[in-house]
């Protein structure tokens, strides 16, 4: 019996196949917290599509998510399942998705799901159990957060690791060490337990433009490029690169119509470029908290269709 997942909890995992890897990697993405610009879920979903990974397992969502949150309709709507009613009949009820995918030729598994509201210990046990049973030895989380990075530059990439020797490895791919204190993510909880579960865990966290609150294909493309190097995957990113370029041009055109916002973005660009060449930032350079009314200005101009 697996001590992480007792027999009475194994039913939380449903398998359609039982693939087995050799020292494989499990990529993990969560919607919600640390999924700004859909960089977490969007990057892994793109990778699933590019390498034609196949679904093979899922976690029963029922014990882990809040569906009926007390409060206003606006607040409650953030938690309730999506439904569709057509011609007076309920045609679908969409519960949170928690799916695993596999590409055995690439020695790679992927998980895309919503960060659990409840039962963090049990949800983590499900992930660890599947990893151990499937020949996975490393978990790699992809996430993002909003910061003072202009949309015209690549996101800054940070890493957190489950043990010190992994930090140097990730720094070889241009990632900086994180420093943070505040509200925690499920990713951090997973990492705090990964060593006891017999697994390595690292994170790739992208700092992206905080003033854009929609799907960010430019950051997704940049993170996909870095993942391809880390995992040594021969990915064809031409389509994603084309979408990224078109999106950046569209955003720049909209921002140029607002003189104040355009000036703030130029300040971000100067600070970003100065850091690259080792120039100390000026005191007057504004950060995310200084944007005031500009925060989230580009909200409805760009949808999630980045094809």
Protein backbone atom coordinates (compact mmCIF):
# COMPACT_ATOMS: atom_id res chain seq x y z
CA UNK A 1 0.00 0.00 0.00
CA UNK A 2 1.27 3.45 -0.90
CA UNK A 3 1.57 5.43 2.37
CA UNK A 4 0.88 8.65 0.43
CA UNK A 5 -2.41 7.44 -0.98
CA UNK A 6 -4.21 4.79 1.13
CA UNK A 7 -6.47 2.28 -0.59
CA UNK A 8 -9.56 4.26 0.33
CA UNK A 9 -8.22 7.25 -1.66
CA UNK A 10 -6.87 5.54 -4.80
CA UNK A 11 -10.34 5.85 -6.32
CA UNK A 12 -9.69 9.61 -6.59
CA UNK A 13 -7.41 8.81 -9.55
CA UNK A 14 -9.01 7.42 -12.70
CA UNK A 15 -6.79 5.89 -15.41
CA UNK A 16 -7.53 5.11 -19.04
CA UNK A 17 -3.96 3.88 -19.55
CA UNK A 18 -0.90 3.04 -17.42
CA UNK A 19 2.14 4.54 -19.21
CA UNK A 20 5.57 4.06 -17.69
CA UNK A 21 8.51 6.45 -18.11
CA UNK A 22 12.19 6.13 -17.24
CA UNK A 23 13.30 8.98 -14.95
CA UNK A 24 10.58 11.05 -16.55
CA UNK A 25 9.43 14.63 -15.95
CA UNK A 26 5.95 15.75 -14.95
CA UNK A 27 5.08 19.29 -16.04
CA UNK A 28 2.41 20.90 -13.87
CA UNK A 29 0.15 23.89 -14.61
CA UNK A 30 -2.63 25.37 -12.50
CA UNK A 31 -5.24 27.93 -13.46
CA UNK A 32 -5.99 30.71 -11.01
CA UNK A 33 -3.13 31.73 -8.73
CA UNK A 34 0.17 32.15 -10.66
CA UNK A 35 -1.53 31.85 -14.07
CA UNK A 36 -1.39 35.49 -15.13
CA UNK A 37 -1.73 35.87 -18.89
CA UNK A 38 -2.66 32.16 -18.96
CA UNK A 39 1.08 31.49 -19.07
CA UNK A 40 0.88 28.43 -16.80
CA UNK A 41 -2.02 26.61 -18.42
CA UNK A 42 -1.47 28.13 -21.87
CA UNK A 43 2.15 27.02 -22.12
CA UNK A 44 1.49 23.45 -21.06
CA UNK A 45 -1.62 23.17 -23.25
CA UNK A 46 0.45 24.36 -26.23
CA UNK A 47 3.05 21.74 -25.43
CA UNK A 48 0.38 19.04 -25.19
CA UNK A 49 -0.81 20.04 -28.65
CA UNK A 50 2.64 20.37 -30.20
CA UNK A 51 3.87 16.93 -29.16
CA UNK A 52 0.42 15.33 -29.46
CA UNK A 53 0.42 14.09 -25.87
CA UNK A 54 -2.46 11.76 -24.97
CA UNK A 55 -4.73 12.04 -21.91
CA UNK A 56 -4.44 9.04 -19.62
CA UNK A 57 -5.64 9.95 -16.12
CA UNK A 58 -7.55 12.50 -14.07
CA UNK A 59 -8.24 13.41 -10.46
CA UNK A 60 -11.83 13.41 -9.22
CA UNK A 61 -12.50 17.15 -8.73
CA UNK A 62 -15.38 16.79 -6.27
CA UNK A 63 -13.43 16.76 -2.94
CA UNK A 64 -11.11 19.62 -3.89
CA UNK A 65 -13.17 22.53 -5.18
CA UNK A 66 -15.74 24.96 -3.80
CA UNK A 67 -18.81 25.25 -6.02
CA UNK A 68 -21.17 27.27 -3.82
CA UNK A 69 -19.30 30.21 -2.31
CA UNK A 70 -21.35 32.54 -0.10
CA UNK A 71 -21.60 36.17 -1.09
CA UNK A 72 -22.65 38.26 -4.05
CA UNK A 73 -23.50 36.74 -7.41
CA UNK A 74 -20.31 38.26 -8.84
CA UNK A 75 -18.16 36.57 -6.18
CA UNK A 76 -20.07 33.29 -6.30
CA UNK A 77 -19.73 33.16 -10.09
CA UNK A 78 -15.96 32.75 -9.69
CA UNK A 79 -16.49 29.33 -8.10
CA UNK A 80 -19.59 27.84 -9.73
CA UNK A 81 -19.28 25.30 -12.57
CA UNK A 82 -20.03 26.50 -16.09
CA UNK A 83 -23.32 25.24 -17.51
CA UNK A 84 -25.02 25.43 -20.88
CA UNK A 85 -28.79 25.47 -21.38
CA UNK A 86 -30.22 25.20 -24.89
CA UNK A 87 -33.91 25.37 -25.78
CA UNK A 88 -34.93 24.81 -22.19
CA UNK A 89 -32.64 21.81 -21.60
CA UNK A 90 -29.35 21.55 -19.67
CA UNK A 91 -26.85 20.32 -22.25
CA UNK A 92 -23.62 20.47 -20.24
CA UNK A 93 -22.17 21.04 -16.77
CA UNK A 94 -18.43 21.73 -16.81
CA UNK A 95 -16.70 20.79 -13.56
CA UNK A 96 -13.03 21.76 -12.97
CA UNK A 97 -10.72 19.77 -15.22
CA UNK A 98 -7.79 17.86 -13.68
CA UNK A 99 -6.18 15.93 -16.53
CA UNK A 100 -2.86 14.15 -17.02
CA UNK A 101 -1.27 13.74 -20.46
CA UNK A 102 1.68 11.65 -21.60
CA UNK A 103 4.17 11.53 -24.46
CA UNK A 104 6.23 8.40 -23.96
CA UNK A 105 8.63 9.19 -26.87
CA UNK A 106 9.55 12.42 -25.04
CA UNK A 107 9.63 10.77 -21.59
CA UNK A 108 7.20 13.43 -20.47
CA UNK A 109 3.92 13.70 -18.55
CA UNK A 110 1.84 16.85 -18.12
CA UNK A 111 -0.90 17.93 -15.75
CA UNK A 112 -3.32 20.82 -16.33
CA UNK A 113 -5.87 21.66 -13.66
CA UNK A 114 -7.35 24.26 -11.39
CA UNK A 115 -5.47 24.97 -8.17
CA UNK A 116 -7.44 23.11 -5.47
CA UNK A 117 -9.49 25.10 -2.98
CA UNK A 118 -9.64 22.24 -0.46
CA UNK A 119 -7.75 19.11 0.53
CA UNK A 120 -4.25 20.22 -0.44
CA UNK A 121 -2.63 17.26 1.29
CA UNK A 122 -4.77 14.69 -0.48
CA UNK A 123 -4.50 16.43 -3.86
CA UNK A 124 -0.72 16.49 -3.50
CA UNK A 125 -0.76 12.81 -2.57
CA UNK A 126 -2.62 12.06 -5.79
CA UNK A 127 0.05 13.85 -7.84
CA UNK A 128 2.91 12.21 -5.97
CA UNK A 129 1.32 8.76 -6.21
CA UNK A 130 0.84 9.02 -9.96
CA UNK A 131 4.39 10.32 -10.44
CA UNK A 132 5.94 7.49 -8.42
CA UNK A 133 3.80 4.84 -10.12
CA UNK A 134 4.63 6.19 -13.59
CA UNK A 135 8.42 6.44 -13.41
CA UNK A 136 8.55 10.22 -12.90
CA UNK A 137 11.48 11.54 -10.86
CA UNK A 138 11.10 15.30 -11.39
CA UNK A 139 8.16 17.70 -11.26
CA UNK A 140 8.48 21.02 -13.10
CA UNK A 141 5.88 23.70 -12.41
CA UNK A 142 5.28 26.54 -14.88
CA UNK A 143 3.71 29.75 -13.56
CA UNK A 144 3.65 33.52 -13.85
CA UNK A 145 3.04 36.75 -11.95
CA UNK A 146 2.50 40.37 -12.96
CA UNK A 147 5.40 42.80 -12.63
CA UNK A 148 7.10 45.82 -14.19
CA UNK A 149 8.11 44.00 -17.38
CA UNK A 150 7.17 45.67 -20.68
CA UNK A 151 5.24 43.62 -23.25
CA UNK A 152 7.97 44.43 -25.80
CA UNK A 153 10.56 42.38 -23.92
CA UNK A 154 10.85 38.73 -22.92
CA UNK A 155 9.51 37.93 -19.46
CA UNK A 156 12.02 37.63 -16.64
CA UNK A 157 12.29 34.03 -15.48
CA UNK A 158 12.72 32.87 -11.88
CA UNK A 159 13.14 29.51 -10.23
CA UNK A 160 12.50 27.87 -6.88
CA UNK A 161 13.93 24.40 -6.24
CA UNK A 162 13.36 21.61 -3.76
CA UNK A 163 17.08 21.22 -3.03
CA UNK A 164 20.17 23.44 -3.40
CA UNK A 165 21.95 21.47 -6.12
CA UNK A 166 19.08 22.08 -8.53
CA UNK A 167 19.51 25.87 -8.37
CA UNK A 168 22.73 25.86 -10.37
CA UNK A 169 21.21 23.64 -13.01
CA UNK A 170 18.27 25.98 -13.53
CA UNK A 171 20.50 29.07 -13.51
CA UNK A 172 22.27 27.65 -16.56
CA UNK A 173 19.02 28.30 -18.42
CA UNK A 174 18.98 31.97 -17.46
CA UNK A 175 16.70 31.77 -14.45
CA UNK A 176 17.10 33.85 -11.32
CA UNK A 177 16.56 32.66 -7.76
CA UNK A 178 13.31 33.76 -6.19
CA UNK A 179 12.87 35.63 -2.94
CA UNK A 180 9.36 36.00 -1.60
CA UNK A 181 7.26 36.21 1.55
CA UNK A 182 3.49 36.38 1.44
CA UNK A 183 0.40 34.36 0.45
CA UNK A 184 1.46 30.92 -0.70
CA UNK A 185 0.54 28.83 -3.73
CA UNK A 186 -0.24 25.15 -3.98
CA UNK A 187 2.99 24.88 -5.98
CA UNK A 188 5.01 25.95 -2.94
CA UNK A 189 3.15 23.44 -0.79
CA UNK A 190 3.93 20.70 -3.31
CA UNK A 191 7.58 21.65 -3.34
CA UNK A 192 7.79 21.60 0.46
CA UNK A 193 6.71 17.94 0.40
CA UNK A 194 8.34 16.70 -2.80
CA UNK A 195 11.59 15.46 -1.25
CA UNK A 196 9.73 13.33 1.29
CA UNK A 197 7.77 11.89 -1.65
CA UNK A 198 11.05 10.86 -3.32
CA UNK A 199 10.82 13.48 -6.08
CA UNK A 200 12.78 16.51 -7.24
CA UNK A 201 10.80 19.65 -7.96
CA UNK A 202 11.67 22.91 -9.71
CA UNK A 203 9.61 25.85 -10.88
CA UNK A 204 9.85 28.14 -13.88
CA UNK A 205 8.07 31.40 -13.00
CA UNK A 206 7.71 34.18 -15.56
CA UNK A 207 7.38 37.83 -14.57
CA UNK A 208 5.02 39.29 -17.18
CA UNK A 209 3.43 42.74 -17.81
CA UNK A 210 1.05 43.47 -14.95
CA UNK A 211 -0.93 45.99 -17.01
CA UNK A 212 -2.24 43.30 -19.40
CA UNK A 213 -4.94 41.08 -17.96
CA UNK A 214 -5.62 38.75 -20.90
CA UNK A 215 -3.98 35.74 -22.52
CA UNK A 216 -0.38 36.68 -23.30
CA UNK A 217 0.86 34.70 -26.34
CA UNK A 218 4.18 36.55 -26.30
CA UNK A 219 5.03 35.31 -22.80
CA UNK A 220 3.68 31.84 -23.60
CA UNK A 221 6.00 31.68 -26.60
CA UNK A 222 9.01 32.86 -24.57
CA UNK A 223 8.38 30.33 -21.80
CA UNK A 224 7.83 27.57 -24.39
CA UNK A 225 11.23 28.35 -25.91
CA UNK A 226 12.91 28.05 -22.51
CA UNK A 227 11.07 24.81 -21.72
CA UNK A 228 12.19 23.35 -25.04
CA UNK A 229 15.81 23.97 -24.02
CA UNK A 230 15.41 22.57 -20.52
CA UNK A 231 13.64 19.43 -21.73
CA UNK A 232 15.65 19.16 -24.98
CA UNK A 233 12.46 19.08 -27.03
CA UNK A 234 12.62 19.75 -30.80
CA UNK A 235 9.53 21.99 -30.89
CA UNK A 236 8.26 23.83 -33.96
CA UNK A 237 7.25 27.19 -32.48
CA UNK A 238 6.82 29.10 -35.75
CA UNK A 239 3.04 29.35 -35.45
CA UNK A 240 3.24 30.52 -31.86
CA UNK A 241 5.99 33.00 -32.73
CA UNK A 242 3.84 34.48 -35.50
CA UNK A 243 0.89 34.86 -33.14
CA UNK A 244 3.18 36.43 -30.54
CA UNK A 245 4.50 39.03 -32.98
CA UNK A 246 1.01 39.97 -34.18
CA UNK A 247 -0.26 40.25 -30.60
CA UNK A 248 2.63 42.47 -29.51
CA UNK A 249 1.98 44.82 -32.44
CA UNK A 250 -1.73 44.99 -31.61
CA UNK A 251 -1.05 45.76 -27.95
CA UNK A 252 1.56 48.40 -28.82
CA UNK A 253 -0.88 50.10 -31.19
CA UNK A 254 -3.54 50.31 -28.47
CA UNK A 255 -1.08 51.57 -25.85
CA UNK A 256 0.23 54.27 -28.18
CA UNK A 257 -3.24 55.80 -28.13
CA UNK A 258 -2.82 56.58 -24.42
CA UNK A 259 0.09 58.98 -23.90
CA UNK A 260 0.42 58.40 -20.15
CA UNK A 261 0.40 54.63 -20.41
CA UNK A 262 2.80 54.72 -23.36
CA UNK A 263 5.21 56.79 -21.25
CA UNK A 264 5.03 54.31 -18.38
CA UNK A 265 5.78 51.43 -20.76
CA UNK A 266 8.81 53.31 -22.12
CA UNK A 267 10.05 53.70 -18.55
CA UNK A 268 9.67 49.97 -18.03
CA UNK A 269 11.62 49.34 -21.25
CA UNK A 270 14.45 51.63 -20.15
CA UNK A 271 14.66 50.01 -16.71
CA UNK A 272 14.62 46.52 -18.27
CA UNK A 273 17.38 47.39 -20.77
CA UNK A 274 19.49 49.18 -18.14
CA UNK A 275 19.38 46.09 -15.96
CA UNK A 276 20.68 43.97 -18.83
CA UNK A 277 23.78 46.15 -19.16
CA UNK A 278 24.27 46.55 -15.43
CA UNK A 279 23.05 50.12 -14.93
CA UNK A 280 21.48 50.73 -11.53
CA UNK A 281 17.75 51.61 -11.74
CA UNK A 282 16.82 55.25 -11.20
CA UNK A 283 14.71 56.06 -8.16
CA UNK A 284 11.99 57.61 -10.28
CA UNK A 285 11.30 54.48 -12.33
CA UNK A 286 7.75 53.46 -11.54
CA UNK A 287 6.72 50.00 -10.45
CA UNK A 288 3.42 48.12 -10.73
CA UNK A 289 1.93 49.81 -7.67
CA UNK A 290 2.46 53.25 -9.23
CA UNK A 291 0.29 52.63 -12.29
CA UNK A 292 -2.90 53.76 -10.59
CA UNK A 293 -5.76 54.01 -13.05
CA UNK A 294 -3.68 52.38 -15.78
CA UNK A 295 -3.60 48.98 -14.06
CA UNK A 296 -5.59 46.55 -16.16
CA UNK A 297 -6.41 49.15 -18.82
CA UNK A 298 -5.90 46.64 -21.61
CA UNK A 299 -8.67 44.36 -20.40
CA UNK A 300 -11.27 43.88 -23.09
CA UNK A 301 -9.36 44.87 -26.21
CA UNK A 302 -7.75 41.45 -26.66
CA UNK A 303 -9.45 38.13 -26.19
CA UNK A 304 -7.98 34.70 -25.62
CA UNK A 305 -7.99 33.85 -29.33
CA UNK A 306 -4.31 34.07 -30.12
CA UNK A 307 -4.23 31.74 -33.07
